[in-house]
Amino acid sequence: MGIVTLATTSIVSRRMPSPTSPNDVVHSESFLRSLMRRQLGLSISCAAAFLIALIGMPLLNYFAPALMASRVGGFTLSWLVLGVLFFPFVWIISYLFIKRSIALEEDEVVQARRGTPEH
């Protein structure tokens, strides 16, 4: 029992370093605020692209029924877009979002370490 108490005491008595030191600009409030603002803009852009496609399909069916009823590869254009092309479109938006989000984070880290001002 004494060994367990000694081990526990030595673990507890060691001070863990503070997760954010004054010199750690990568975890500062201004860094996180700037990164979140830029990622918000990216999120809004991706959501807008998705909503344009989502709302655009019914509008195209309503305002251009002859175009949407035309046959492409055995499908009407509306079914081709909805059944075949919509999911790859969403995957492309997701892929671009992830790649751009990672690039934003890396750019913010580089700028924070250089000490350049916020965007």
N, C-alpha and C. Protein backbone atom coordinates (compact mmCIF):
# COMPACT_ATOMS: atom_id res chain seq x y z
N MET A 1 0.82 -1.19 0.00
CA MET A 1 0.00 0.00 0.00
C MET A 1 0.86 1.25 0.00
N GLY A 2 2.02 1.17 0.65
CA GLY A 2 2.91 2.32 0.72
C GLY A 2 3.48 2.70 -0.63
N ILE A 3 3.74 1.72 -1.50
CA ILE A 3 4.28 2.00 -2.83
C ILE A 3 3.25 2.71 -3.69
N VAL A 4 1.99 2.29 -3.60
CA VAL A 4 0.94 2.93 -4.38
C VAL A 4 0.76 4.37 -3.92
N THR A 5 0.79 4.61 -2.64
CA THR A 5 0.65 5.97 -2.12
C THR A 5 1.83 6.83 -2.56
N LEU A 6 3.04 6.29 -2.52
CA LEU A 6 4.22 7.03 -2.94
C LEU A 6 4.14 7.38 -4.43
N ALA A 7 3.71 6.43 -5.24
CA ALA A 7 3.61 6.68 -6.69
C ALA A 7 2.54 7.74 -6.95
N THR A 8 1.41 7.64 -6.27
CA THR A 8 0.34 8.62 -6.46
C THR A 8 0.80 10.00 -6.01
N THR A 9 1.49 10.07 -4.91
CA THR A 9 1.98 11.35 -4.40
C THR A 9 2.97 11.98 -5.37
N SER A 10 3.86 11.17 -5.94
CA SER A 10 4.84 11.75 -6.86
C SER A 10 4.18 12.23 -8.15
N ILE A 11 3.14 11.55 -8.60
CA ILE A 11 2.43 11.99 -9.80
C ILE A 11 1.67 13.28 -9.53
N VAL A 12 1.00 13.35 -8.39
CA VAL A 12 0.21 14.52 -8.06
C VAL A 12 1.11 15.72 -7.76
N SER A 13 2.26 15.47 -7.15
CA SER A 13 3.10 16.60 -6.76
C SER A 13 3.80 17.25 -7.94
N ARG A 14 3.95 16.54 -9.06
CA ARG A 14 4.55 17.17 -10.24
C ARG A 14 3.59 18.18 -10.81
N ARG A 15 4.10 19.33 -11.10
CA ARG A 15 3.25 20.38 -11.68
C ARG A 15 3.22 20.20 -13.18
N MET A 16 2.03 20.18 -13.70
CA MET A 16 1.88 20.12 -15.14
C MET A 16 2.04 21.53 -15.69
N PRO A 17 2.68 21.66 -16.84
CA PRO A 17 2.82 23.00 -17.41
C PRO A 17 1.46 23.55 -17.82
N SER A 18 1.37 24.84 -17.75
CA SER A 18 0.14 25.51 -18.17
C SER A 18 -0.07 25.27 -19.66
N PRO A 19 -1.31 24.95 -20.09
CA PRO A 19 -1.54 24.68 -21.50
C PRO A 19 -1.31 25.91 -22.39
N THR A 20 -1.49 27.06 -21.83
CA THR A 20 -1.25 28.27 -22.62
C THR A 20 -0.31 29.19 -21.87
N SER A 21 0.86 29.36 -22.39
CA SER A 21 1.80 30.30 -21.79
C SER A 21 1.63 31.65 -22.48
N PRO A 22 2.12 32.71 -21.90
CA PRO A 22 1.98 34.03 -22.52
C PRO A 22 2.64 34.11 -23.90
N ASN A 23 3.65 33.27 -24.15
CA ASN A 23 4.35 33.29 -25.44
C ASN A 23 3.70 32.38 -26.47
N ASP A 24 2.68 31.65 -26.11
CA ASP A 24 2.04 30.70 -27.01
C ASP A 24 0.96 31.41 -27.82
N VAL A 25 1.34 31.97 -28.96
CA VAL A 25 0.40 32.73 -29.78
C VAL A 25 -0.58 31.84 -30.51
N VAL A 26 -0.23 30.57 -30.70
CA VAL A 26 -1.10 29.66 -31.44
C VAL A 26 -2.38 29.37 -30.65
N HIS A 27 -2.32 29.41 -29.34
CA HIS A 27 -3.50 29.14 -28.53
C HIS A 27 -4.09 30.41 -27.92
N SER A 28 -3.72 31.56 -28.42
CA SER A 28 -4.22 32.82 -27.87
C SER A 28 -5.65 33.09 -28.33
N GLU A 29 -6.30 33.98 -27.64
CA GLU A 29 -7.68 34.35 -27.98
C GLU A 29 -7.76 34.97 -29.38
N SER A 30 -6.82 35.85 -29.70
CA SER A 30 -6.86 36.52 -30.99
C SER A 30 -6.65 35.53 -32.13
N PHE A 31 -5.77 34.56 -31.93
CA PHE A 31 -5.54 33.53 -32.94
C PHE A 31 -6.82 32.73 -33.17
N LEU A 32 -7.42 32.25 -32.09
CA LEU A 32 -8.62 31.44 -32.22
C LEU A 32 -9.78 32.24 -32.81
N ARG A 33 -9.91 33.49 -32.42
CA ARG A 33 -10.98 34.33 -32.96
C ARG A 33 -10.81 34.53 -34.47
N SER A 34 -9.59 34.80 -34.89
CA SER A 34 -9.32 35.00 -36.31
C SER A 34 -9.57 33.72 -37.10
N LEU A 35 -9.11 32.60 -36.58
CA LEU A 35 -9.32 31.32 -37.25
C LEU A 35 -10.80 30.98 -37.34
N MET A 36 -11.54 31.20 -36.27
CA MET A 36 -12.97 30.90 -36.27
C MET A 36 -13.72 31.80 -37.25
N ARG A 37 -13.31 33.06 -37.35
CA ARG A 37 -13.94 33.98 -38.30
C ARG A 37 -13.72 33.52 -39.74
N ARG A 38 -12.50 33.13 -40.05
CA ARG A 38 -12.20 32.66 -41.40
C ARG A 38 -12.90 31.34 -41.71
N GLN A 39 -12.98 30.45 -40.73
CA GLN A 39 -13.68 29.19 -40.95
C GLN A 39 -15.18 29.41 -41.06
N LEU A 40 -15.71 30.40 -40.38
CA LEU A 40 -17.12 30.74 -40.53
C LEU A 40 -17.41 31.18 -41.96
N GLY A 41 -16.55 32.01 -42.52
CA GLY A 41 -16.72 32.42 -43.90
C GLY A 41 -16.68 31.23 -44.85
N LEU A 42 -15.77 30.30 -44.61
CA LEU A 42 -15.69 29.08 -45.42
C LEU A 42 -16.97 28.25 -45.27
N SER A 43 -17.45 28.11 -44.05
CA SER A 43 -18.67 27.34 -43.81
C SER A 43 -19.87 27.97 -44.51
N ILE A 44 -19.97 29.28 -44.46
CA ILE A 44 -21.08 29.97 -45.12
C ILE A 44 -21.00 29.78 -46.62
N SER A 45 -19.80 29.83 -47.19
CA SER A 45 -19.63 29.62 -48.63
C SER A 45 -20.06 28.22 -49.04
N CYS A 46 -19.63 27.22 -48.28
CA CYS A 46 -20.01 25.84 -48.59
C CYS A 46 -21.51 25.62 -48.41
N ALA A 47 -22.08 26.19 -47.37
CA ALA A 47 -23.52 26.05 -47.15
C ALA A 47 -24.30 26.75 -48.26
N ALA A 48 -23.82 27.89 -48.72
CA ALA A 48 -24.49 28.60 -49.81
C ALA A 48 -24.46 27.78 -51.09
N ALA A 49 -23.32 27.15 -51.40
CA ALA A 49 -23.24 26.31 -52.59
C ALA A 49 -24.22 25.15 -52.50
N PHE A 50 -24.32 24.54 -51.33
CA PHE A 50 -25.25 23.43 -51.13
C PHE A 50 -26.70 23.91 -51.27
N LEU A 51 -27.02 25.05 -50.65
CA LEU A 51 -28.39 25.55 -50.71
C LEU A 51 -28.79 25.98 -52.12
N ILE A 52 -27.85 26.53 -52.87
CA ILE A 52 -28.15 26.89 -54.26
C ILE A 52 -28.53 25.65 -55.05
N ALA A 53 -27.78 24.57 -54.85
CA ALA A 53 -28.11 23.33 -55.56
C ALA A 53 -29.44 22.75 -55.06
N LEU A 54 -29.64 22.79 -53.76
CA LEU A 54 -30.85 22.21 -53.18
C LEU A 54 -32.10 22.98 -53.59
N ILE A 55 -32.03 24.29 -53.57
CA ILE A 55 -33.18 25.11 -53.93
C ILE A 55 -33.28 25.28 -55.45
N GLY A 56 -32.13 25.21 -56.12
CA GLY A 56 -32.12 25.39 -57.56
C GLY A 56 -32.83 24.28 -58.32
N MET A 57 -32.78 23.07 -57.83
CA MET A 57 -33.43 21.96 -58.54
C MET A 57 -34.94 22.16 -58.66
N PRO A 58 -35.66 22.41 -57.58
CA PRO A 58 -37.09 22.65 -57.74
C PRO A 58 -37.40 23.88 -58.60
N LEU A 59 -36.57 24.91 -58.47
CA LEU A 59 -36.79 26.11 -59.28
C LEU A 59 -36.57 25.82 -60.76
N LEU A 60 -35.53 25.05 -61.07
CA LEU A 60 -35.32 24.66 -62.47
C LEU A 60 -36.47 23.80 -62.99
N ASN A 61 -36.96 22.89 -62.17
CA ASN A 61 -38.11 22.06 -62.57
C ASN A 61 -39.34 22.92 -62.82
N TYR A 62 -39.51 23.97 -62.05
CA TYR A 62 -40.68 24.82 -62.19
C TYR A 62 -40.56 25.77 -63.38
N PHE A 63 -39.39 26.44 -63.50
CA PHE A 63 -39.23 27.46 -64.52
C PHE A 63 -38.71 26.93 -65.87
N ALA A 64 -38.10 25.76 -65.88
CA ALA A 64 -37.58 25.19 -67.13
C ALA A 64 -37.95 23.71 -67.22
N PRO A 65 -39.25 23.41 -67.24
CA PRO A 65 -39.65 22.00 -67.24
C PRO A 65 -39.20 21.25 -68.49
N ALA A 66 -39.15 21.93 -69.64
CA ALA A 66 -38.72 21.25 -70.86
C ALA A 66 -37.25 20.84 -70.76
N LEU A 67 -36.43 21.72 -70.22
CA LEU A 67 -35.01 21.40 -70.04
C LEU A 67 -34.83 20.24 -69.08
N MET A 68 -35.53 20.27 -67.96
CA MET A 68 -35.37 19.24 -66.94
C MET A 68 -35.98 17.91 -67.37
N ALA A 69 -36.90 17.94 -68.34
CA ALA A 69 -37.50 16.70 -68.84
C ALA A 69 -36.70 16.08 -69.98
N SER A 70 -35.69 16.79 -70.46
CA SER A 70 -34.89 16.23 -71.56
C SER A 70 -34.13 15.00 -71.07
N ARG A 71 -33.90 14.07 -71.97
CA ARG A 71 -33.26 12.80 -71.62
C ARG A 71 -31.75 12.88 -71.79
N VAL A 72 -31.05 12.39 -70.78
CA VAL A 72 -29.60 12.31 -70.81
C VAL A 72 -29.22 10.93 -70.27
N GLY A 73 -28.65 10.10 -71.14
CA GLY A 73 -28.24 8.76 -70.69
C GLY A 73 -29.38 7.90 -70.19
N GLY A 74 -30.57 8.09 -70.72
CA GLY A 74 -31.72 7.29 -70.30
C GLY A 74 -32.49 7.87 -69.12
N PHE A 75 -31.99 8.91 -68.52
CA PHE A 75 -32.65 9.57 -67.39
C PHE A 75 -33.14 10.94 -67.84
N THR A 76 -34.19 11.43 -67.18
CA THR A 76 -34.50 12.84 -67.38
C THR A 76 -33.40 13.63 -66.66
N LEU A 77 -33.18 14.85 -67.10
CA LEU A 77 -32.11 15.64 -66.51
C LEU A 77 -32.32 15.84 -65.01
N SER A 78 -33.57 16.02 -64.59
CA SER A 78 -33.81 16.23 -63.16
C SER A 78 -33.45 14.98 -62.36
N TRP A 79 -33.77 13.78 -62.86
CA TRP A 79 -33.41 12.55 -62.14
C TRP A 79 -31.91 12.28 -62.21
N LEU A 80 -31.29 12.65 -63.29
CA LEU A 80 -29.84 12.48 -63.39
C LEU A 80 -29.14 13.34 -62.34
N VAL A 81 -29.57 14.59 -62.24
CA VAL A 81 -28.95 15.48 -61.25
C VAL A 81 -29.25 15.02 -59.84
N LEU A 82 -30.50 14.69 -59.55
CA LEU A 82 -30.87 14.27 -58.19
C LEU A 82 -30.33 12.90 -57.82
N GLY A 83 -30.44 11.95 -58.74
CA GLY A 83 -30.09 10.58 -58.40
C GLY A 83 -28.63 10.23 -58.59
N VAL A 84 -27.96 10.91 -59.48
CA VAL A 84 -26.59 10.53 -59.79
C VAL A 84 -25.58 11.61 -59.40
N LEU A 85 -25.87 12.84 -59.69
CA LEU A 85 -24.87 13.90 -59.53
C LEU A 85 -24.92 14.63 -58.20
N PHE A 86 -26.03 14.52 -57.47
CA PHE A 86 -26.15 15.32 -56.25
C PHE A 86 -25.17 14.88 -55.17
N PHE A 87 -25.04 13.58 -54.93
CA PHE A 87 -24.13 13.11 -53.88
C PHE A 87 -22.66 13.40 -54.22
N PRO A 88 -22.20 13.17 -55.44
CA PRO A 88 -20.83 13.59 -55.74
C PRO A 88 -20.63 15.10 -55.55
N PHE A 89 -21.65 15.89 -55.85
CA PHE A 89 -21.56 17.33 -55.62
C PHE A 89 -21.35 17.62 -54.14
N VAL A 90 -22.09 16.94 -53.28
CA VAL A 90 -21.95 17.12 -51.83
C VAL A 90 -20.57 16.64 -51.38
N TRP A 91 -20.09 15.53 -51.93
CA TRP A 91 -18.74 15.04 -51.57
C TRP A 91 -17.68 16.05 -51.98
N ILE A 92 -17.85 16.66 -53.15
CA ILE A 92 -16.89 17.67 -53.60
C ILE A 92 -16.89 18.88 -52.67
N ILE A 93 -18.08 19.32 -52.28
CA ILE A 93 -18.16 20.44 -51.32
C ILE A 93 -17.46 20.06 -50.02
N SER A 94 -17.71 18.84 -49.52
CA SER A 94 -17.08 18.38 -48.27
C SER A 94 -15.57 18.32 -48.41
N TYR A 95 -15.09 17.77 -49.52
CA TYR A 95 -13.66 17.67 -49.75
C TYR A 95 -13.01 19.06 -49.78
N LEU A 96 -13.62 19.96 -50.51
CA LEU A 96 -13.08 21.33 -50.60
C LEU A 96 -13.11 22.02 -49.23
N PHE A 97 -14.17 21.78 -48.47
CA PHE A 97 -14.26 22.38 -47.13
C PHE A 97 -13.13 21.88 -46.24
N ILE A 98 -12.90 20.58 -46.25
CA ILE A 98 -11.85 20.01 -45.39
C ILE A 98 -10.48 20.52 -45.81
N LYS A 99 -10.19 20.47 -47.11
CA LYS A 99 -8.88 20.93 -47.59
C LYS A 99 -8.67 22.41 -47.28
N ARG A 100 -9.68 23.22 -47.52
CA ARG A 100 -9.55 24.66 -47.29
C ARG A 100 -9.45 24.97 -45.80
N SER A 101 -10.18 24.22 -44.98
CA SER A 101 -10.14 24.43 -43.53
C SER A 101 -8.75 24.10 -42.98
N ILE A 102 -8.16 23.02 -43.45
CA ILE A 102 -6.80 22.67 -43.02
C ILE A 102 -5.82 23.75 -43.47
N ALA A 103 -5.98 24.22 -44.70
CA ALA A 103 -5.10 25.28 -45.20
C ALA A 103 -5.25 26.56 -44.38
N LEU A 104 -6.48 26.89 -43.98
CA LEU A 104 -6.69 28.08 -43.14
C LEU A 104 -5.98 27.93 -41.80
N GLU A 105 -6.09 26.75 -41.19
CA GLU A 105 -5.44 26.52 -39.91
C GLU A 105 -3.93 26.64 -40.04
N GLU A 106 -3.37 26.03 -41.08
CA GLU A 106 -1.92 26.09 -41.27
C GLU A 106 -1.46 27.53 -41.54
N ASP A 107 -2.24 28.26 -42.31
CA ASP A 107 -1.91 29.66 -42.60
C ASP A 107 -1.96 30.50 -41.33
N GLU A 108 -2.95 30.29 -40.51
CA GLU A 108 -3.06 31.03 -39.25
C GLU A 108 -1.89 30.73 -38.33
N VAL A 109 -1.47 29.47 -38.27
CA VAL A 109 -0.34 29.11 -37.42
C VAL A 109 0.93 29.81 -37.90
N VAL A 110 1.16 29.79 -39.21
CA VAL A 110 2.35 30.46 -39.77
C VAL A 110 2.31 31.94 -39.46
N GLN A 111 1.16 32.57 -39.67
CA GLN A 111 1.06 34.02 -39.42
C GLN A 111 1.19 34.34 -37.94
N ALA A 112 0.63 33.49 -37.08
CA ALA A 112 0.72 33.74 -35.64
C ALA A 112 2.16 33.62 -35.16
N ARG A 113 2.88 32.66 -35.70
CA ARG A 113 4.28 32.49 -35.28
C ARG A 113 5.17 33.61 -35.82
N ARG A 114 4.81 34.16 -36.97
CA ARG A 114 5.55 35.30 -37.52
C ARG A 114 5.24 36.59 -36.78
N GLY A 115 4.05 36.63 -36.19
CA GLY A 115 3.62 37.83 -35.48
C GLY A 115 2.94 38.83 -36.38
N THR A 116 2.46 38.38 -37.54
CA THR A 116 1.73 39.30 -38.42
C THR A 116 0.36 39.56 -37.86
N PRO A 117 -0.21 40.71 -38.12
CA PRO A 117 -1.52 41.05 -37.56
C PRO A 117 -2.63 40.18 -38.14
N GLU A 118 -3.77 40.26 -37.46
CA GLU A 118 -4.94 39.49 -37.89
C GLU A 118 -5.44 39.99 -39.23
N HIS A 119 -6.26 39.17 -39.84
CA HIS A 119 -6.85 39.49 -41.15
C HIS A 119 -8.00 40.46 -40.98
